[in-house]
Structure formats: C-alpha cells, structure tokens
Amino acid sequence: MEEFKIEGDYIELMALLKALGIAETGGHAKHIVDAGEVIRNGQIESRRRAKIIPGDQIQIQDIAINLK
C-alpha cells in the first residue's frame, strides 16, 4: 500500500489522481472517475471533485493508497 500526504485539509479527487501520476491530464482523470475505477473507503467514488481527506483509502485497479 502506498501512502500520500495531503497538504492542507483535503485534496480534490482529480488533483490527487494527477499528483499520484495515475492520470496524465485532467481529461484522463475525468475518464478514470467516470468509468467507476476509483474506490474510496470501499465504495465507488463517482464525484470528480470529491474532497479526499486524511484517513481515506483509495483503490484504483491494483493500486491502494492510504492518505495521511
């Protein structure tokens, strides 16, 4: 499991995907979210601008990320 430290109170999901290098562009990030590929705390996250906070767990395909 990878770890990612959030600077501030939260990070928007699309920004997180780009920061992790999972999405190359904003359009690519939208496609990943719209395709239902993001699991947040065990539930599919379909909101592109969802506020991801420390303690959340994100899974995309075989990549698991714990947010600090």
N, C-alpha and C. Protein backbone atom coordinates (compact mmCIF):
# COMPACT_ATOMS: atom_id res chain seq x y z
N MET A 1 0.84 -1.18 0.00
CA MET A 1 0.00 0.00 0.00
C MET A 1 0.88 1.24 0.00
N GLU A 2 0.59 2.15 -0.90
CA GLU A 2 1.30 3.41 -0.97
C GLU A 2 0.70 4.41 0.03
N GLU A 3 1.47 5.42 0.37
CA GLU A 3 0.97 6.49 1.23
C GLU A 3 1.16 7.82 0.52
N PHE A 4 0.22 8.74 0.75
CA PHE A 4 0.28 10.07 0.16
C PHE A 4 -0.11 11.06 1.25
N LYS A 5 0.75 12.06 1.47
CA LYS A 5 0.47 13.07 2.49
C LYS A 5 -0.26 14.24 1.85
N ILE A 6 -1.40 14.58 2.41
CA ILE A 6 -2.20 15.70 1.93
C ILE A 6 -1.70 16.98 2.59
N GLU A 7 -1.44 17.99 1.79
CA GLU A 7 -1.07 19.31 2.30
C GLU A 7 -2.37 20.09 2.45
N GLY A 8 -2.73 20.47 3.66
CA GLY A 8 -3.99 21.18 3.91
C GLY A 8 -5.05 20.20 4.41
N ASP A 9 -6.30 20.63 4.35
CA ASP A 9 -7.40 19.83 4.90
C ASP A 9 -7.86 18.72 3.96
N TYR A 10 -7.72 18.92 2.64
CA TYR A 10 -8.20 17.94 1.68
C TYR A 10 -7.53 18.16 0.32
N ILE A 11 -7.75 17.21 -0.59
CA ILE A 11 -7.34 17.34 -1.97
C ILE A 11 -8.49 16.82 -2.82
N GLU A 12 -8.80 17.48 -3.91
CA GLU A 12 -9.86 17.01 -4.79
C GLU A 12 -9.40 15.75 -5.51
N LEU A 13 -10.32 14.86 -5.76
CA LEU A 13 -10.01 13.55 -6.35
C LEU A 13 -9.22 13.68 -7.65
N MET A 14 -9.67 14.53 -8.56
CA MET A 14 -8.96 14.66 -9.83
C MET A 14 -7.53 15.16 -9.63
N ALA A 15 -7.33 16.08 -8.70
CA ALA A 15 -5.98 16.57 -8.40
C ALA A 15 -5.13 15.46 -7.79
N LEU A 16 -5.72 14.62 -6.97
CA LEU A 16 -5.00 13.50 -6.38
C LEU A 16 -4.53 12.53 -7.46
N LEU A 17 -5.41 12.21 -8.39
CA LEU A 17 -5.04 11.28 -9.47
C LEU A 17 -3.87 11.82 -10.28
N LYS A 18 -3.86 13.12 -10.52
CA LYS A 18 -2.75 13.73 -11.26
C LYS A 18 -1.48 13.76 -10.40
N ALA A 19 -1.62 14.10 -9.12
CA ALA A 19 -0.45 14.16 -8.23
C ALA A 19 0.22 12.80 -8.07
N LEU A 20 -0.57 11.75 -8.08
CA LEU A 20 -0.03 10.39 -7.95
C LEU A 20 0.55 9.86 -9.25
N GLY A 21 0.30 10.57 -10.35
CA GLY A 21 0.79 10.11 -11.65
C GLY A 21 -0.09 9.04 -12.27
N ILE A 22 -1.27 8.81 -11.70
CA ILE A 22 -2.20 7.82 -12.24
C ILE A 22 -2.87 8.39 -13.48
N ALA A 23 -3.19 9.69 -13.46
CA ALA A 23 -3.78 10.38 -14.61
C ALA A 23 -2.75 11.37 -15.14
N GLU A 24 -2.62 11.39 -16.45
CA GLU A 24 -1.66 12.30 -17.07
C GLU A 24 -2.23 13.70 -17.23
N THR A 25 -3.55 13.80 -17.43
CA THR A 25 -4.20 15.09 -17.64
C THR A 25 -5.52 15.12 -16.88
N GLY A 26 -6.14 16.30 -16.84
CA GLY A 26 -7.45 16.41 -16.23
C GLY A 26 -8.49 15.57 -16.95
N GLY A 27 -8.40 15.52 -18.27
CA GLY A 27 -9.33 14.71 -19.06
C GLY A 27 -9.18 13.23 -18.76
N HIS A 28 -7.94 12.79 -18.58
CA HIS A 28 -7.68 11.40 -18.23
C HIS A 28 -8.25 11.10 -16.84
N ALA A 29 -8.08 12.04 -15.91
CA ALA A 29 -8.62 11.86 -14.55
C ALA A 29 -10.14 11.75 -14.59
N LYS A 30 -10.80 12.59 -15.40
CA LYS A 30 -12.26 12.52 -15.54
C LYS A 30 -12.69 11.15 -16.04
N HIS A 31 -11.97 10.64 -17.03
CA HIS A 31 -12.30 9.33 -17.59
C HIS A 31 -12.19 8.22 -16.53
N ILE A 32 -11.14 8.27 -15.73
CA ILE A 32 -10.94 7.26 -14.68
C ILE A 32 -12.10 7.28 -13.69
N VAL A 33 -12.49 8.48 -13.25
CA VAL A 33 -13.58 8.62 -12.28
C VAL A 33 -14.90 8.20 -12.92
N ASP A 34 -15.17 8.69 -14.13
CA ASP A 34 -16.44 8.38 -14.80
C ASP A 34 -16.59 6.89 -15.10
N ALA A 35 -15.48 6.20 -15.28
CA ALA A 35 -15.52 4.77 -15.57
C ALA A 35 -15.75 3.93 -14.31
N GLY A 36 -15.81 4.58 -13.15
CA GLY A 36 -16.05 3.86 -11.89
C GLY A 36 -14.85 3.10 -11.39
N GLU A 37 -13.66 3.55 -11.76
CA GLU A 37 -12.43 2.84 -11.39
C GLU A 37 -11.89 3.22 -10.02
N VAL A 38 -12.46 4.26 -9.39
CA VAL A 38 -11.94 4.73 -8.10
C VAL A 38 -12.83 4.22 -6.97
N ILE A 39 -12.21 3.51 -6.04
CA ILE A 39 -12.89 3.03 -4.84
C ILE A 39 -12.37 3.85 -3.67
N ARG A 40 -13.29 4.50 -2.96
CA ARG A 40 -12.93 5.31 -1.78
C ARG A 40 -13.57 4.68 -0.56
N ASN A 41 -12.75 4.24 0.36
CA ASN A 41 -13.23 3.63 1.61
C ASN A 41 -14.26 2.52 1.31
N GLY A 42 -13.99 1.72 0.30
CA GLY A 42 -14.82 0.57 -0.02
C GLY A 42 -16.02 0.85 -0.91
N GLN A 43 -16.22 2.11 -1.33
CA GLN A 43 -17.36 2.49 -2.17
C GLN A 43 -16.85 3.15 -3.45
N ILE A 44 -17.54 2.93 -4.56
CA ILE A 44 -17.17 3.60 -5.80
C ILE A 44 -17.38 5.10 -5.61
N GLU A 45 -16.35 5.88 -5.96
CA GLU A 45 -16.44 7.34 -5.87
C GLU A 45 -16.64 7.90 -7.27
N SER A 46 -17.80 8.49 -7.51
CA SER A 46 -18.14 8.99 -8.84
C SER A 46 -18.09 10.52 -8.94
N ARG A 47 -17.78 11.18 -7.82
CA ARG A 47 -17.70 12.65 -7.83
C ARG A 47 -16.27 13.07 -8.18
N ARG A 48 -16.14 13.73 -9.29
CA ARG A 48 -14.81 14.12 -9.77
C ARG A 48 -14.08 15.03 -8.79
N ARG A 49 -14.81 15.91 -8.15
CA ARG A 49 -14.20 16.88 -7.24
C ARG A 49 -14.43 16.52 -5.77
N ALA A 50 -14.61 15.25 -5.50
CA ALA A 50 -14.79 14.79 -4.11
C ALA A 50 -13.58 15.24 -3.29
N LYS A 51 -13.84 15.70 -2.08
CA LYS A 51 -12.79 16.15 -1.19
C LYS A 51 -12.23 14.93 -0.45
N ILE A 52 -11.02 14.57 -0.81
CA ILE A 52 -10.34 13.43 -0.20
C ILE A 52 -9.58 13.95 1.02
N ILE A 53 -9.81 13.32 2.16
CA ILE A 53 -9.24 13.81 3.42
C ILE A 53 -8.28 12.78 4.01
N PRO A 54 -7.41 13.22 4.93
CA PRO A 54 -6.53 12.27 5.60
C PRO A 54 -7.35 11.15 6.25
N GLY A 55 -6.85 9.92 6.13
CA GLY A 55 -7.55 8.76 6.66
C GLY A 55 -8.33 8.00 5.61
N ASP A 56 -8.63 8.66 4.48
CA ASP A 56 -9.32 7.96 3.39
C ASP A 56 -8.38 6.92 2.78
N GLN A 57 -8.98 5.89 2.23
CA GLN A 57 -8.23 4.89 1.48
C GLN A 57 -8.81 4.85 0.07
N ILE A 58 -7.93 4.95 -0.91
CA ILE A 58 -8.30 4.97 -2.30
C ILE A 58 -7.72 3.73 -2.98
N GLN A 59 -8.51 3.10 -3.82
CA GLN A 59 -8.01 1.97 -4.60
C GLN A 59 -8.39 2.20 -6.05
N ILE A 60 -7.41 2.05 -6.92
CA ILE A 60 -7.62 2.16 -8.36
C ILE A 60 -6.94 0.96 -8.99
N GLN A 61 -7.75 0.07 -9.56
CA GLN A 61 -7.27 -1.19 -10.10
C GLN A 61 -6.49 -1.93 -9.01
N ASP A 62 -5.20 -2.16 -9.19
CA ASP A 62 -4.43 -2.89 -8.17
C ASP A 62 -3.58 -1.97 -7.30
N ILE A 63 -3.83 -0.67 -7.37
CA ILE A 63 -3.07 0.30 -6.58
C ILE A 63 -3.93 0.73 -5.39
N ALA A 64 -3.36 0.61 -4.19
CA ALA A 64 -4.04 1.05 -2.97
C ALA A 64 -3.24 2.20 -2.36
N ILE A 65 -3.94 3.27 -2.00
CA ILE A 65 -3.29 4.44 -1.44
C ILE A 65 -3.95 4.81 -0.12
N ASN A 66 -3.12 4.99 0.90
CA ASN A 66 -3.58 5.45 2.21
C ASN A 66 -3.20 6.92 2.32
N LEU A 67 -4.18 7.77 2.62
CA LEU A 67 -3.90 9.20 2.67
C LEU A 67 -3.65 9.65 4.11
N LYS A 68 -2.59 10.41 4.28
CA LYS A 68 -2.18 10.92 5.59
C LYS A 68 -2.40 12.40 5.66
